[in-house]
Amino acid sequence: MKLKVSVFEYLNQKVMYIQDVNYYFGIRDNFDIKLGDYELSEEEVLNIAKENDPEEYEIFINTSIEERINKINTYSIDDIKEQSSYGQFTLCLHPSRKCNLNCKYCFRESEYLGNEQLTFEVAKDAIDFLVDIYAPCASKYVVDLSGSGEPLLQMDLVKQIVDYCKQKRDEICKNIEVMFCTNLTLLTPEIVEYLDNESAIILGTSIDGDQITNDNNRVYANGKGTYNDIVKGLKMFKNKKLGLAVTVTPLNQNVDLIYDYLYHLPNVDCISMNFLRSFDDSEFNIKNFELDYLRVKYELMCQKIYVELKNGNFNYLKCLLNGTDIYGNYILQTLFKNTHNMFKCDAGKNRIVVNKDGEIYACSVMSGIADFYLGNIYTGLKLNLQEKFYISQIKTNQICNACSMAKICGGECYANSYLTRKNIHDPILKFCEIKKDLIKLSMTFNTLLKHRDISSYNKLIDLAMKIQYHYQTDTSFWVVMKYLSLNNIKISYEKISEELTLKDTGITPNKLLTYLKKYININAYNLDRNFSKYDIKFPAISLVNKRKDTRFKYIIVHNIKDNVVLYEDINTLRFHNIHYKEYINKISDIILF
């Protein structure tokens, strides 16, 4: 069997990437191998791995290459639909279509922004549509109020939406977060107090670097820079840290300097640097990016990260990973080998946008564009229109299909493709080159970190898992609300999250039991031979302890009749039946009632 491989070098470290199975390992400095893309036999690849990275080789051979290829190739769209239906779903709403700034690179146009105004009634109906109809099995929901305008211009509407999301999450016993990006220039003490103390809100702001860099682009209508007001706004928060969103343009490619500078600003939770979406004839056009220069700047940023890690500052790396930074996301993605990203993003699938008329679109940026229309929350989703967003670019597009980094990249941004090609599938070659560089650099970064600083590498793995779990409602929160509500005891999600501190591994059974005893008489039992299932009072809670998992998970048991267990987990809208013995052997032998 011939395997496609890529050999590349960044940060003075060579890496071999096996394209067919999305796996990579480091190459020693003195090992003679050419850089580039070519084909090798399975035996040649294994011999190179064994000689250069014995530890990765041992991991690699635990599963045959044929099995790895089959694992990737057998993924179908139906599999993805099934798995993603239990994940996080995002609803994008634009509370304001106006902005008090006049940023030089803004894509807004009068016909795009218009004068339309979202009402609370439509926002409320859109949230109901998301939770009750579009994604009833989701493990978590996000209502994203970032969009075409400045949300603080419609602060009353924002508050109404937040209040309804809190009401809705108490109803469904699952988390609903509200997030948005604000330019911070309209803050008042009253607004700050509200935002700073509202735990349901995840907040961010846009800033492009130091004062000179930022004020070259992000300005008021009169041309005055916004930097001083943004930093003043950051300092006003006492309880909450904010994410910083950076627009990288051809005029502003010093990502290493930008990141380092912004890291030292007050109240910073994460820093997300992403490339400007501009395809006109202006100086901001993506074709004006200098790839060699950009590559050097990202390598310098990596070197700075290594220095900070050596000095014990893991937070320096963490701030890059906590948000939506393009390179940070590639670092996380390349940690998980032998996987296959079939899509660039979740637009039209796990993410939708609803406008003032209740119309549904696949992408927040392309709201109002007919080719992104999916239906209406009042008349229903049009599945035939949605289906095109489930067509994998990397399988159907010739350029993507031939790309060595396709299994990590997942294809081009739908909006970028449409703005340049008037279709949603054709890639933009300049973006392709940038992404390929960053993906290769991320593999190299992870390889070096594993060999240079195993402690930080293990922290990175732990953080990656924690970020994955952030996209879910923890089952302990759900089971507490569900169990108490079934016993006619109402408690809010906010109260639980304040009183029940969530750890990386979830909530331990003892802690869960102690917490529930504040509200109801309950104890834990082992379902062994000495305990009769007929003594259980229903509903009951079971700890899922028979399946391998790094976190504590819980389900609700509704009945055991005729040796059949009737139970419910966080995602289902229906009850599950399983034989009692199978339940004890495969799911749980610990029950709380």
Foldseek 3Di string as FASTA:
>chain_A
DKWKWFWDDDPLWIKIATLLQQDIATADNPDDDDGGIDIDDPVVVLVRCCVGPVVVSVVVVVDDPVRLNCVAVVDDLVNVQVVCLAFEFEEEEAQALAEQWDFPQQPDDCVVSPHDHADLVLLLLVVCLVCPPVRVQYQEYEYEHAFNYACVVVVVSVVSNLVSQLVVCLVQLHQYAYEYEHQQLPDDLVNLVVQLPSPSYAYAYEAAADQVRRLVGIGGPVSGGCVVNSLVSQVSHDRAAHEYEHEAFLVRLLVLRRLVRVVPRPRYQAYAYDYRLDCDPDRRHLVSHDQVVNLVNVSVNLVVCVVCVVVVNLSSLVRHQLDHHLLNVLLLLSVDTSAFQQAQDQFLHSYWYAYNQQWIFRDSHCPPPPLRTQGGSVPDGDVVSSVVRSDGLCVPPPVNVPDSCNRRNRAAQQVSCCVVPVGRRDHDVSVVSNSVSSNVVSNVSLNCCCVPPVPSNVVVVLVSLLSSCVRGGAQLSSCLSVVVVVVVHRDGSVVCCVPPPADSQGHDPVSSQVVSVVPDDKDKDFQDPVDDPVPDDPFKKFWFDQDDDSHIHIWTWGDQDPQWTWIGGSRDPHTDIDGNVCCVNRGGRMMMD
